[in-house]
Amino acid sequence: GKRYLLAGTSCAAPTLAAVVARLNDYRVASGKPPLGFLNPWLYGKGFAGLNDITQGTNPGCDTDGFSAGKGWDPVTGLGTPNFSELKKLV
């Protein structure tokens, strides 16, 4: 039979949640509060700890989809997490 790879949001969301949990553990151990609502931090300086995806598209519905570019891509948004770089920023 066919075998399918589980990916997409069902994989990415818990992975990012685990990265944020580890960052919060680090902050709390350093006497700082947890990150809380992430958008202001991610768009303010946290994006520097993400791997910018600059090539590729998200094909579907008989289209090529949207193209990735510097600072944003249609699949990950801001990019994929780089834990060691994010840890430096928190």
Protein backbone atom coordinates (compact mmCIF):
# COMPACT_ATOMS: atom_id res chain seq x y z
CA GLY A 1 0.00 0.00 0.00
CA LYS A 2 0.88 3.66 -0.13
CA ARG A 3 2.76 5.28 2.73
CA TYR A 4 2.24 8.94 3.52
CA LEU A 5 4.56 11.34 5.27
CA LEU A 6 2.80 13.39 7.93
CA ALA A 7 3.97 16.94 7.65
CA GLY A 8 2.63 20.45 7.38
CA THR A 9 0.84 22.14 10.26
CA SER A 10 0.29 18.88 12.14
CA CYS A 11 4.06 18.53 12.40
CA ALA A 12 5.17 22.15 12.46
CA ALA A 13 2.88 23.48 15.19
CA PRO A 14 3.99 21.06 17.95
CA THR A 15 7.61 21.43 16.88
CA LEU A 16 7.50 25.21 17.21
CA ALA A 17 5.60 24.87 20.49
CA ALA A 18 8.43 22.69 21.84
CA VAL A 19 11.05 25.24 20.74
CA VAL A 20 9.12 28.05 22.47
CA ALA A 21 8.71 25.91 25.61
CA ARG A 22 12.49 25.37 25.75
CA LEU A 23 13.07 29.11 25.25
CA ASN A 24 10.65 29.85 28.09
CA ASP A 25 12.43 27.30 30.32
CA TYR A 26 15.70 29.08 29.59
CA ARG A 27 14.18 32.50 30.35
CA VAL A 28 12.59 31.36 33.62
CA ALA A 29 15.85 29.70 34.73
CA SER A 30 17.55 33.06 34.03
CA GLY A 31 15.03 34.92 36.22
CA LYS A 32 13.07 36.37 33.28
CA PRO A 33 9.35 35.97 32.55
CA PRO A 34 8.09 33.67 29.78
CA LEU A 35 7.77 35.14 26.30
CA GLY A 36 3.96 35.38 26.28
CA PHE A 37 2.32 36.59 23.05
CA LEU A 38 5.03 35.97 20.43
CA ASN A 39 4.10 38.21 17.50
CA PRO A 40 5.60 41.49 18.82
CA TRP A 41 8.85 39.70 19.71
CA LEU A 42 9.01 37.69 16.48
CA TYR A 43 8.42 40.71 14.26
CA GLY A 44 10.55 42.99 16.46
CA LYS A 45 13.78 41.03 16.81
CA GLY A 46 12.99 37.31 17.06
CA PHE A 47 12.90 36.91 13.28
CA ALA A 48 16.71 37.17 13.36
CA GLY A 49 16.72 33.72 15.02
CA LEU A 50 14.79 32.12 12.17
CA ASN A 51 16.20 30.57 9.00
CA ASP A 52 14.90 32.73 6.15
CA ILE A 53 13.46 30.53 3.40
CA THR A 54 14.01 32.43 0.14
CA GLN A 55 13.32 29.83 -2.55
CA GLY A 56 10.35 27.65 -3.38
CA THR A 57 6.60 27.83 -3.75
CA ASN A 58 3.49 26.24 -2.28
CA PRO A 59 1.92 24.59 -5.33
CA GLY A 60 -1.65 23.40 -5.23
CA CYS A 61 -5.01 23.62 -6.99
CA ASP A 62 -3.29 23.36 -10.37
CA THR A 63 -1.16 26.47 -9.69
CA ASP A 64 2.47 27.09 -8.84
CA GLY A 65 1.30 28.83 -5.68
CA PHE A 66 3.06 31.78 -4.10
CA SER A 67 6.83 32.26 -4.29
CA ALA A 68 9.15 32.65 -1.34
CA GLY A 69 11.21 35.80 -1.02
CA LYS A 70 13.53 37.48 1.43
CA GLY A 71 11.78 37.86 4.78
CA TRP A 72 8.68 35.80 3.99
CA ASP A 73 7.62 32.54 2.40
CA PRO A 74 4.18 31.03 1.89
CA VAL A 75 4.89 27.85 3.83
CA THR A 76 6.64 28.95 7.03
CA GLY A 77 5.87 32.67 7.07
CA LEU A 78 8.95 34.19 8.70
CA GLY A 79 11.12 31.05 8.49
CA THR A 80 12.12 27.94 10.40
CA PRO A 81 13.41 28.10 13.99
CA ASN A 82 17.13 28.03 14.77
CA PHE A 83 17.12 27.23 18.49
CA SER A 84 20.67 28.36 19.29
CA GLU A 85 20.08 31.73 17.58
CA LEU A 86 16.67 32.19 19.21
CA LYS A 87 18.21 31.40 22.61
CA LYS A 88 20.74 34.20 22.10
CA LEU A 89 17.90 36.63 21.40
CA VAL A 90 15.70 35.80 24.38
